[in-house]
PDB file of N, CA and C in Angstrom:
ATOM      1  N   UNK A   1      -4.205 -16.128 -29.701  1.00  0.00           N
ATOM      2  CA  UNK A   1      -4.710 -17.151 -28.750  1.00  0.00           C
ATOM      3  C   UNK A   1      -4.429 -16.712 -27.455  1.00  0.00           C
ATOM      4  N   UNK A   2      -5.266 -16.857 -26.360  1.00  0.00           N
ATOM      5  CA  UNK A   2      -4.921 -16.363 -24.886  1.00  0.00           C
ATOM      6  C   UNK A   2      -3.965 -17.376 -24.365  1.00  0.00           C
ATOM      7  N   UNK A   3      -3.172 -16.660 -23.380  1.00  0.00           N
ATOM      8  CA  UNK A   3      -2.211 -17.611 -22.766  1.00  0.00           C
ATOM      9  C   UNK A   3      -2.934 -18.354 -21.531  1.00  0.00           C
ATOM     10  N   UNK A   4      -4.131 -17.991 -21.200  1.00  0.00           N
ATOM     11  CA  UNK A   4      -4.856 -18.681 -20.057  1.00  0.00           C
ATOM     12  C   UNK A   4      -6.235 -18.786 -20.658  1.00  0.00           C
ATOM     13  N   UNK A   5      -6.745 -19.887 -20.441  1.00  0.00           N
ATOM     14  CA  UNK A   5      -8.225 -20.164 -20.765  1.00  0.00           C
ATOM     15  C   UNK A   5      -9.157 -19.893 -19.717  1.00  0.00           C
ATOM     16  N   UNK A   6     -10.340 -19.824 -20.085  1.00  0.00           N
ATOM     17  CA  UNK A   6     -11.473 -19.648 -19.155  1.00  0.00           C
ATOM     18  C   UNK A   6     -11.506 -20.750 -18.246  1.00  0.00           C
ATOM     19  N   UNK A   7     -11.256 -22.131 -18.726  1.00  0.00           N
ATOM     20  CA  UNK A   7     -11.256 -23.258 -17.964  1.00  0.00           C
ATOM     21  C   UNK A   7     -10.293 -23.258 -16.788  1.00  0.00           C
ATOM     22  N   UNK A   8      -9.030 -22.655 -17.269  1.00  0.00           N
ATOM     23  CA  UNK A   8      -7.861 -22.676 -16.255  1.00  0.00           C
ATOM     24  C   UNK A   8      -8.217 -21.618 -15.216  1.00  0.00           C
ATOM     25  N   UNK A   9      -8.857 -20.692 -15.497  1.00  0.00           N
ATOM     26  CA  UNK A   9      -9.398 -19.553 -14.545  1.00  0.00           C
ATOM     27  C   UNK A   9     -10.396 -20.228 -13.596  1.00  0.00           C
ATOM     28  N   UNK A  10     -11.229 -21.032 -14.108  1.00  0.00           N
ATOM     29  CA  UNK A  10     -12.281 -21.704 -13.413  1.00  0.00           C
ATOM     30  C   UNK A  10     -11.575 -22.611 -12.323  1.00  0.00           C
ATOM     31  N   UNK A  11     -10.598 -23.349 -12.858  1.00  0.00           N
ATOM     32  CA  UNK A  11      -9.691 -24.278 -12.064  1.00  0.00           C
ATOM     33  C   UNK A  11      -8.903 -23.510 -10.884  1.00  0.00           C
ATOM     34  N   UNK A  12      -8.296 -22.452 -11.285  1.00  0.00           N
ATOM     35  CA  UNK A  12      -7.695 -21.617 -10.206  1.00  0.00           C
ATOM     36  C   UNK A  12      -8.643 -21.116  -9.220  1.00  0.00           C
ATOM     37  N   UNK A  13      -9.903 -20.881  -9.709  1.00  0.00           N
ATOM     38  CA  UNK A  13     -10.860 -20.155  -8.795  1.00  0.00           C
ATOM     39  C   UNK A  13     -11.248 -21.371  -7.847  1.00  0.00           C
ATOM     40  N   UNK A  14     -11.493 -22.555  -8.281  1.00  0.00           N
ATOM     41  CA  UNK A  14     -11.866 -23.702  -7.379  1.00  0.00           C
ATOM     42  C   UNK A  14     -10.702 -23.914  -6.531  1.00  0.00           C
ATOM     43  N   UNK A  15      -9.438 -23.965  -6.881  1.00  0.00           N
ATOM     44  CA  UNK A  15      -8.294 -24.199  -5.973  1.00  0.00           C
ATOM     45  C   UNK A  15      -8.224 -23.112  -4.883  1.00  0.00           C
ATOM     46  N   UNK A  16      -8.694 -21.906  -5.293  1.00  0.00           N
ATOM     47  CA  UNK A  16      -8.572 -20.809  -4.226  1.00  0.00           C
ATOM     48  C   UNK A  16      -9.951 -20.589  -3.474  1.00  0.00           C
ATOM     49  N   UNK A  17     -10.806 -21.629  -3.803  1.00  0.00           N
ATOM     50  CA  UNK A  17     -12.139 -21.636  -3.166  1.00  0.00           C
ATOM     51  C   UNK A  17     -12.836 -20.404  -3.295  1.00  0.00           C
ATOM     52  N   UNK A  18     -12.809 -19.913  -4.642  1.00  0.00           N
ATOM     53  CA  UNK A  18     -13.534 -18.705  -4.946  1.00  0.00           C
ATOM     54  C   UNK A  18     -14.705 -18.945  -5.783  1.00  0.00           C
ATOM     55  N   UNK A  19     -15.954 -18.453  -5.324  1.00  0.00           N
ATOM     56  CA  UNK A  19     -17.058 -18.811  -6.212  1.00  0.00           C
ATOM     57  C   UNK A  19     -17.197 -17.746  -7.260  1.00  0.00           C
ATOM     58  N   UNK A  20     -16.945 -17.972  -8.481  1.00  0.00           N
ATOM     59  CA  UNK A  20     -17.091 -16.879  -9.497  1.00  0.00           C
ATOM     60  C   UNK A  20     -18.123 -17.105 -10.389  1.00  0.00           C
ATOM     61  N   UNK A  21     -18.829 -16.184 -10.880  1.00  0.00           N
ATOM     62  CA  UNK A  21     -20.004 -16.278 -11.816  1.00  0.00           C
ATOM     63  C   UNK A  21     -19.429 -16.369 -13.163  1.00  0.00           C
ATOM     64  N   UNK A  22     -20.147 -16.736 -14.085  1.00  0.00           N
ATOM     65  CA  UNK A  22     -19.863 -17.028 -15.450  1.00  0.00           C
ATOM     66  C   UNK A  22     -19.227 -15.549 -16.017  1.00  0.00           C
ATOM     67  N   UNK A  23     -19.768 -14.501 -15.656  1.00  0.00           N
ATOM     68  CA  UNK A  23     -19.315 -13.284 -16.188  1.00  0.00           C
ATOM     69  C   UNK A  23     -18.070 -12.906 -15.504  1.00  0.00           C
ATOM     70  N   UNK A  24     -17.834 -13.277 -14.209  1.00  0.00           N
ATOM     71  CA  UNK A  24     -16.489 -12.946 -13.457  1.00  0.00           C
ATOM     72  C   UNK A  24     -15.495 -13.928 -14.001  1.00  0.00           C
ATOM     73  N   UNK A  25     -15.692 -15.122 -14.501  1.00  0.00           N
ATOM     74  CA  UNK A  25     -14.761 -15.943 -15.171  1.00  0.00           C
ATOM     75  C   UNK A  25     -14.234 -15.347 -16.455  1.00  0.00           C
ATOM     76  N   UNK A  26     -15.135 -14.837 -17.302  1.00  0.00           N
ATOM     77  CA  UNK A  26     -14.859 -14.302 -18.460  1.00  0.00           C
ATOM     78  C   UNK A  26     -13.885 -12.998 -18.258  1.00  0.00           C
ATOM     79  N   UNK A  27     -14.402 -12.093 -17.303  1.00  0.00           N
ATOM     80  CA  UNK A  27     -13.654 -10.960 -17.131  1.00  0.00           C
ATOM     81  C   UNK A  27     -12.197 -11.165 -16.487  1.00  0.00           C
ATOM     82  N   UNK A  28     -12.173 -12.206 -15.547  1.00  0.00           N
ATOM     83  CA  UNK A  28     -10.854 -12.537 -14.900  1.00  0.00           C
ATOM     84  C   UNK A  28      -9.986 -13.302 -16.032  1.00  0.00           C
ATOM     85  N   UNK A  29     -10.502 -13.998 -16.909  1.00  0.00           N
ATOM     86  CA  UNK A  29      -9.794 -14.724 -17.933  1.00  0.00           C
ATOM     87  C   UNK A  29      -8.991 -13.483 -18.778  1.00  0.00           C
ATOM     88  N   UNK A  30      -9.763 -12.557 -19.191  1.00  0.00           N
ATOM     89  CA  UNK A  30      -9.186 -11.376 -19.887  1.00  0.00           C
ATOM     90  C   UNK A  30      -8.033 -10.750 -19.168  1.00  0.00           C
ATOM     91  N   UNK A  31      -8.437 -10.325 -17.800  1.00  0.00           N
ATOM     92  CA  UNK A  31      -7.395  -9.667 -17.094  1.00  0.00           C
ATOM     93  C   UNK A  31      -6.134 -10.514 -16.798  1.00  0.00           C
ATOM     94  N   UNK A  32      -6.341 -11.754 -16.578  1.00  0.00           N
ATOM     95  CA  UNK A  32      -5.130 -12.583 -16.271  1.00  0.00           C
ATOM     96  C   UNK A  32      -4.254 -12.824 -17.566  1.00  0.00           C
ATOM     97  N   UNK A  33      -4.996 -12.883 -18.675  1.00  0.00           N
ATOM     98  CA  UNK A  33      -4.320 -13.053 -19.992  1.00  0.00           C
ATOM     99  C   UNK A  33      -3.500 -11.726 -20.288  1.00  0.00           C
ATOM    100  N   UNK A  34      -4.011 -10.624 -20.014  1.00  0.00           N
ATOM    101  CA  UNK A  34      -3.267  -9.364 -20.015  1.00  0.00           C
ATOM    102  C   UNK A  34      -2.050  -9.324 -19.178  1.00  0.00           C
ATOM    103  N   UNK A  35      -2.203  -9.665 -17.964  1.00  0.00           N
ATOM    104  CA  UNK A  35      -1.160  -9.827 -17.009  1.00  0.00           C
ATOM    105  C   UNK A  35      -0.026 -10.624 -17.539  1.00  0.00           C
ATOM    106  N   UNK A  36      -0.393 -11.851 -18.076  1.00  0.00           N
ATOM    107  CA  UNK A  36       0.597 -12.816 -18.661  1.00  0.00           C
ATOM    108  C   UNK A  36       1.316 -12.176 -19.773  1.00  0.00           C
ATOM    109  N   UNK A  37       0.531 -11.548 -20.656  1.00  0.00           N
ATOM    110  CA  UNK A  37       1.229 -10.824 -21.879  1.00  0.00           C
ATOM    111  C   UNK A  37       2.252  -9.770 -21.371  1.00  0.00           C
ATOM    112  N   UNK A  38       1.876  -9.081 -20.474  1.00  0.00           N
ATOM    113  CA  UNK A  38       2.863  -7.978 -19.891  1.00  0.00           C
ATOM    114  C   UNK A  38       4.020  -8.620 -19.220  1.00  0.00           C
ATOM    115  N   UNK A  39       3.831  -9.756 -18.491  1.00  0.00           N
ATOM    116  CA  UNK A  39       5.137 -10.415 -17.866  1.00  0.00           C
ATOM    117  C   UNK A  39       5.936 -11.010 -18.922  1.00  0.00           C
ATOM    118  N   UNK A  40       5.347 -11.463 -20.053  1.00  0.00           N
ATOM    119  CA  UNK A  40       6.102 -12.095 -21.087  1.00  0.00           C
ATOM    120  C   UNK A  40       6.946 -10.972 -21.718  1.00  0.00           C
ATOM    121  N   UNK A  41       6.322  -9.857 -22.023  1.00  0.00           N
ATOM    122  CA  UNK A  41       6.845  -8.671 -22.666  1.00  0.00           C
ATOM    123  C   UNK A  41       8.142  -8.259 -21.799  1.00  0.00           C
ATOM    124  N   UNK A  42       7.996  -8.163 -20.515  1.00  0.00           N
ATOM    125  CA  UNK A  42       9.032  -7.752 -19.670  1.00  0.00           C
ATOM    126  C   UNK A  42      10.161  -8.817 -19.551  1.00  0.00           C
ATOM    127  N   UNK A  43       9.797 -10.097 -19.654  1.00  0.00           N
ATOM    128  CA  UNK A  43      10.894 -11.130 -19.619  1.00  0.00           C
ATOM    129  C   UNK A  43      11.627 -11.068 -20.950  1.00  0.00           C
ATOM    130  N   UNK A  44      11.025 -10.764 -22.106  1.00  0.00           N
ATOM    131  CA  UNK A  44      11.704 -10.580 -23.382  1.00  0.00           C
ATOM    132  C   UNK A  44      12.689  -9.449 -23.452  1.00  0.00           C
ATOM    133  N   UNK A  45      12.427  -8.432 -22.609  1.00  0.00           N
ATOM    134  CA  UNK A  45      13.347  -7.288 -22.645  1.00  0.00           C
ATOM    135  C   UNK A  45      14.568  -7.406 -21.704  1.00  0.00           C
ATOM    136  N   UNK A  46      14.505  -8.217 -20.723  1.00  0.00           N
ATOM    137  CA  UNK A  46      15.453  -8.457 -19.751  1.00  0.00           C
ATOM    138  C   UNK A  46      16.721  -9.091 -20.463  1.00  0.00           C
ATOM    139  N   UNK A  47      17.871  -8.444 -20.298  1.00  0.00           N
ATOM    140  CA  UNK A  47      19.121  -8.878 -21.009  1.00  0.00           C
ATOM    141  C   UNK A  47      19.951  -9.559 -20.033  1.00  0.00           C
ATOM    142  N   UNK A  48      20.668 -10.511 -20.463  1.00  0.00           N
ATOM    143  CA  UNK A  48      21.747 -11.339 -19.576  1.00  0.00           C
ATOM    144  C   UNK A  48      22.673 -10.481 -18.940  1.00  0.00           C
ATOM    145  N   UNK A  49      23.207  -9.460 -19.649  1.00  0.00           N
ATOM    146  CA  UNK A  49      24.127  -8.599 -19.135  1.00  0.00           C
ATOM    147  C   UNK A  49      23.721  -7.701 -18.016  1.00  0.00           C
ATOM    148  N   UNK A  50      22.389  -7.518 -17.670  1.00  0.00           N
ATOM    149  CA  UNK A  50      21.944  -6.692 -16.695  1.00  0.00           C
ATOM    150  C   UNK A  50      21.774  -7.304 -15.326  1.00  0.00           C
ATOM    151  N   UNK A  51      22.384  -7.027 -14.328  1.00  0.00           N
ATOM    152  CA  UNK A  51      22.290  -7.836 -13.028  1.00  0.00           C
ATOM    153  C   UNK A  51      20.811  -7.524 -12.469  1.00  0.00           C
ATOM    154  N   UNK A  52      20.366  -8.418 -11.842  1.00  0.00           N
ATOM    155  CA  UNK A  52      18.980  -8.249 -11.241  1.00  0.00           C
ATOM    156  C   UNK A  52      19.195  -7.256 -10.025  1.00  0.00           C
ATOM    157  N   UNK A  53      18.176  -6.333  -9.942  1.00  0.00           N
ATOM    158  CA  UNK A  53      18.126  -5.428  -8.849  1.00  0.00           C
ATOM    159  C   UNK A  53      16.802  -5.164  -8.206  1.00  0.00           C
ATOM    160  N   UNK A  54      16.752  -4.846  -6.955  1.00  0.00           N
ATOM    161  CA  UNK A  54      15.529  -4.517  -6.310  1.00  0.00           C
ATOM    162  C   UNK A  54      15.236  -3.084  -6.405  1.00  0.00           C
ATOM    163  N   UNK A  55      16.291  -2.239  -6.634  1.00  0.00           N
ATOM    164  CA  UNK A  55      16.145  -0.815  -6.705  1.00  0.00           C
ATOM    165  C   UNK A  55      17.064  -0.172  -7.689  1.00  0.00           C
ATOM    166  N   UNK A  56      16.757   0.594  -8.582  1.00  0.00           N
ATOM    167  CA  UNK A  56      17.819   0.966  -9.619  1.00  0.00           C
ATOM    168  C   UNK A  56      18.793   2.025  -8.783  1.00  0.00           C
ATOM    169  N   UNK A  57      18.581   2.499  -7.624  1.00  0.00           N
ATOM    170  CA  UNK A  57      19.496   3.494  -6.932  1.00  0.00           C
ATOM    171  C   UNK A  57      20.244   2.613  -5.897  1.00  0.00           C
ATOM    172  N   UNK A  58      21.431   2.954  -5.724  1.00  0.00           N
ATOM    173  CA  UNK A  58      22.279   2.249  -4.682  1.00  0.00           C
ATOM    174  C   UNK A  58      21.663   2.735  -3.212  1.00  0.00           C
ATOM    175  N   UNK A  59      21.380   1.926  -2.408  1.00  0.00           N
ATOM    176  CA  UNK A  59      20.805   2.194  -1.119  1.00  0.00           C
ATOM    177  C   UNK A  59      21.778   2.034  -0.026  1.00  0.00           C
ATOM    178  N   UNK A  60      22.012   2.952   0.877  1.00  0.00           N
ATOM    179  CA  UNK A  60      22.726   2.708   1.970  1.00  0.00           C
ATOM    180  C   UNK A  60      21.940   2.953   3.250  1.00  0.00           C
ATOM    181  N   UNK A  61      22.529   2.256   4.332  1.00  0.00           N
ATOM    182  CA  UNK A  61      21.785   2.381   5.619  1.00  0.00           C
ATOM    183  C   UNK A  61      21.893   3.846   6.145  1.00  0.00           C
ATOM    184  N   UNK A  62      20.716   4.451   6.245  1.00  0.00           N
ATOM    185  CA  UNK A  62      20.615   5.973   6.698  1.00  0.00           C
ATOM    186  C   UNK A  62      20.164   6.039   8.233  1.00  0.00           C
ATOM    187  N   UNK A  63      20.107   4.834   8.809  1.00  0.00           N
ATOM    188  CA  UNK A  63      19.666   5.066  10.293  1.00  0.00           C
ATOM    189  C   UNK A  63      20.898   5.678  11.134  1.00  0.00           C
ATOM    190  N   UNK A  64      20.526   6.052  12.182  1.00  0.00           N
ATOM    191  CA  UNK A  64      21.504   6.706  13.077  1.00  0.00           C
ATOM    192  C   UNK A  64      22.064   5.426  14.002  1.00  0.00           C
ATOM    193  N   UNK A  65      23.309   5.723  14.594  1.00  0.00           N
ATOM    194  CA  UNK A  65      23.793   4.485  15.476  1.00  0.00           C
ATOM    195  C   UNK A  65      23.005   4.525  16.739  1.00  0.00           C
ATOM    196  N   UNK A  66      22.858   3.373  17.366  1.00  0.00           N
ATOM    197  CA  UNK A  66      22.135   3.254  18.652  1.00  0.00           C
ATOM    198  C   UNK A  66      22.938   3.834  19.778  1.00  0.00           C
ATOM    199  N   UNK A  67      22.342   4.891  20.335  1.00  0.00           N
ATOM    200  CA  UNK A  67      23.181   5.581  21.446  1.00  0.00           C
ATOM    201  C   UNK A  67      22.203   5.561  22.658  1.00  0.00           C
ATOM    202  N   UNK A  68      22.728   5.184  23.879  1.00  0.00           N
ATOM    203  CA  UNK A  68      21.878   5.038  25.043  1.00  0.00           C
ATOM    204  C   UNK A  68      21.704   6.510  25.595  1.00  0.00           C
ATOM    205  N   UNK A  69      20.590   6.863  25.734  1.00  0.00           N
ATOM    206  CA  UNK A  69      20.284   8.230  26.329  1.00  0.00           C
ATOM    207  C   UNK A  69      19.291   8.012  27.428  1.00  0.00           C
ATOM    208  N   UNK A  70      19.284   8.884  28.430  1.00  0.00           N
ATOM    209  CA  UNK A  70      18.235   8.800  29.578  1.00  0.00           C
ATOM    210  C   UNK A  70      16.914   8.868  28.909  1.00  0.00           C
ATOM    211  N   UNK A  71      15.983   8.185  29.534  1.00  0.00           N
ATOM    212  CA  UNK A  71      14.525   8.343  29.038  1.00  0.00           C
ATOM    213  C   UNK A  71      13.811   9.337  29.998  1.00  0.00           C
ATOM    214  N   UNK A  72      12.588   9.575  29.761  1.00  0.00           N
ATOM    215  CA  UNK A  72      11.758  10.494  30.377  1.00  0.00           C
ATOM    216  C   UNK A  72      11.401   9.900  31.791  1.00  0.00           C
ATOM    217  N   UNK A  73      11.158  10.740  32.739  1.00  0.00           N
ATOM    218  CA  UNK A  73      10.635  10.223  33.995  1.00  0.00           C
ATOM    219  C   UNK A  73       9.180  10.180  33.865  1.00  0.00           C
ATOM    220  N   UNK A  74       8.513   9.394  34.829  1.00  0.00           N
ATOM    221  CA  UNK A  74       6.954   9.360  34.582  1.00  0.00           C
ATOM    222  C   UNK A  74       6.395  10.743  34.685  1.00  0.00           C
ATOM    223  N   UNK A  75       6.913  11.664  35.461  1.00  0.00           N
ATOM    224  CA  UNK A  75       6.352  12.915  35.445  1.00  0.00           C
ATOM    225  C   UNK A  75       6.530  13.751  34.201  1.00  0.00           C
ATOM    226  N   UNK A  76       7.592  13.548  33.574  1.00  0.00           N
ATOM    227  CA  UNK A  76       7.865  14.175  32.332  1.00  0.00           C
ATOM    228  C   UNK A  76       6.961  13.677  31.202  1.00  0.00           C
ATOM    229  N   UNK A  77       6.739  12.404  31.264  1.00  0.00           N
ATOM    230  CA  UNK A  77       5.986  11.637  30.170  1.00  0.00           C
ATOM    231  C   UNK A  77       4.559  12.010  30.378  1.00  0.00           C
ATOM    232  N   UNK A  78       4.060  12.229  31.552  1.00  0.00           N
ATOM    233  CA  UNK A  78       2.672  12.482  31.881  1.00  0.00           C
ATOM    234  C   UNK A  78       2.401  14.096  31.992  1.00  0.00           C
ATOM    235  N   UNK A  79       3.415  14.766  31.636  1.00  0.00           N
ATOM    236  CA  UNK A  79       3.101  16.235  31.876  1.00  0.00           C
ATOM    237  C   UNK A  79       2.087  16.861  31.000  1.00  0.00           C
ATOM    238  N   UNK A  80       1.987  16.324  29.761  1.00  0.00           N
ATOM    239  CA  UNK A  80       1.056  16.840  28.725  1.00  0.00           C
ATOM    240  C   UNK A  80      -0.390  15.951  28.784  1.00  0.00           C
ATOM    241  N   UNK A  81      -0.319  14.982  29.600  1.00  0.00           N
ATOM    242  CA  UNK A  81      -1.623  14.187  29.665  1.00  0.00           C
ATOM    243  C   UNK A  81      -2.762  14.883  30.299  1.00  0.00           C
ATOM    244  N   UNK A  82      -3.938  14.695  29.550  1.00  0.00           N
ATOM    245  CA  UNK A  82      -5.057  15.344  30.125  1.00  0.00           C
ATOM    246  C   UNK A  82      -5.632  14.725  31.491  1.00  0.00           C
ATOM    247  N   UNK A  83      -5.281  13.518  31.680  1.00  0.00           N
ATOM    248  CA  UNK A  83      -5.550  12.882  32.984  1.00  0.00           C
ATOM    249  C   UNK A  83      -4.512  11.652  33.205  1.00  0.00           C
ATOM    250  N   UNK A  84      -4.183  11.608  34.454  1.00  0.00           N
ATOM    251  CA  UNK A  84      -3.132  10.602  34.880  1.00  0.00           C
ATOM    252  C   UNK A  84      -3.563   9.989  36.250  1.00  0.00           C
ATOM    253  N   UNK A  85      -3.203   8.670  36.471  1.00  0.00           N
ATOM    254  CA  UNK A  85      -3.391   8.129  37.811  1.00  0.00           C
ATOM    255  C   UNK A  85      -2.393   7.069  38.062  1.00  0.00           C
ATOM    256  N   UNK A  86      -1.671   7.179  39.218  1.00  0.00           N
ATOM    257  CA  UNK A  86      -0.666   6.201  39.553  1.00  0.00           C
ATOM    258  C   UNK A  86       0.560   6.161  38.615  1.00  0.00           C
ATOM    259  N   UNK A  87       1.032   7.248  38.075  1.00  0.00           N
ATOM    260  CA  UNK A  87       1.974   7.302  37.105  1.00  0.00           C
ATOM    261  C   UNK A  87       1.769   6.627  35.737  1.00  0.00           C
ATOM    262  N   UNK A  88       0.439   6.677  35.415  1.00  0.00           N
ATOM    263  CA  UNK A  88      -0.111   6.029  34.133  1.00  0.00           C
ATOM    264  C   UNK A  88      -1.060   6.984  33.512  1.00  0.00           C
ATOM    265  N   UNK A  89      -1.212   6.898  32.269  1.00  0.00           N
ATOM    266  CA  UNK A  89      -2.219   7.734  31.391  1.00  0.00           C
ATOM    267  C   UNK A  89      -3.430   7.146  31.919  1.00  0.00           C
ATOM    268  N   UNK A  90      -4.519   8.048  32.106  1.00  0.00           N
ATOM    269  CA  UNK A  90      -5.804   7.638  32.477  1.00  0.00           C
ATOM    270  C   UNK A  90      -6.709   7.790  31.293  1.00  0.00           C
ATOM    271  N   UNK A  91      -7.475   6.937  30.853  1.00  0.00           N
ATOM    272  CA  UNK A  91      -8.415   6.887  29.624  1.00  0.00           C
ATOM    273  C   UNK A  91      -9.710   6.464  30.165  1.00  0.00           C
ATOM    274  N   UNK A  92     -10.696   6.840  29.295  1.00  0.00           N
ATOM    275  CA  UNK A  92     -12.103   6.408  29.582  1.00  0.00           C
ATOM    276  C   UNK A  92     -12.261   4.860  29.560  1.00  0.00           C
ATOM    277  N   UNK A  93     -12.986   4.258  30.297  1.00  0.00           N
ATOM    278  CA  UNK A  93     -13.066   2.814  30.293  1.00  0.00           C
ATOM    279  C   UNK A  93     -14.022   2.554  29.083  1.00  0.00           C
ATOM    280  N   UNK A  94     -13.692   1.482  28.285  1.00  0.00           N
ATOM    281  CA  UNK A  94     -14.489   1.012  27.195  1.00  0.00           C
ATOM    282  C   UNK A  94     -15.147  -0.297  27.394  1.00  0.00           C
ATOM    283  N   UNK A  95     -14.615  -0.984  28.305  1.00  0.00           N
ATOM    284  CA  UNK A  95     -15.104  -2.366  28.624  1.00  0.00           C
ATOM    285  C   UNK A  95     -15.976  -2.289  29.879  1.00  0.00           C
ATOM    286  N   UNK A  96     -16.694  -3.350  30.134  1.00  0.00           N
ATOM    287  CA  UNK A  96     -17.526  -3.371  31.437  1.00  0.00           C
ATOM    288  C   UNK A  96     -16.584  -3.550  32.661  1.00  0.00           C
ATOM    289  N   UNK A  97     -17.162  -3.242  33.760  1.00  0.00           N
ATOM    290  CA  UNK A  97     -16.452  -3.272  35.007  1.00  0.00           C
ATOM    291  C   UNK A  97     -15.800  -4.624  35.279  1.00  0.00           C
ATOM    292  N   UNK A  98     -16.401  -5.650  35.040  1.00  0.00           N
ATOM    293  CA  UNK A  98     -15.820  -7.086  35.390  1.00  0.00           C
ATOM    294  C   UNK A  98     -14.772  -7.592  34.350  1.00  0.00           C
ATOM    295  N   UNK A  99     -14.557  -6.721  33.396  1.00  0.00           N
ATOM    296  CA  UNK A  99     -13.647  -7.146  32.300  1.00  0.00           C
ATOM    297  C   UNK A  99     -12.395  -6.471  32.516  1.00  0.00           C
TER     298      UNK A  99
END
């Protein structure tokens, strides 16, 4: 017996404001039933002595410390730019003149 019925899928579709055809209801009922069976199988395997984890490996912060360093001058930042105006990158206009 399936864990989720076709009528329950239709109800979920209505709540989600999804217009599903009869064929889609049948297809999704089977897919959702399969998902629920897999979730049930995983829940049965989980043991009480195993702590919940988000990652099986210990994760440590690998970012570097924040160190203040001088930034680029406008001339250095624009040195490789194909076109610059008034210490800014110049790019082709994509909107109209008035915008």
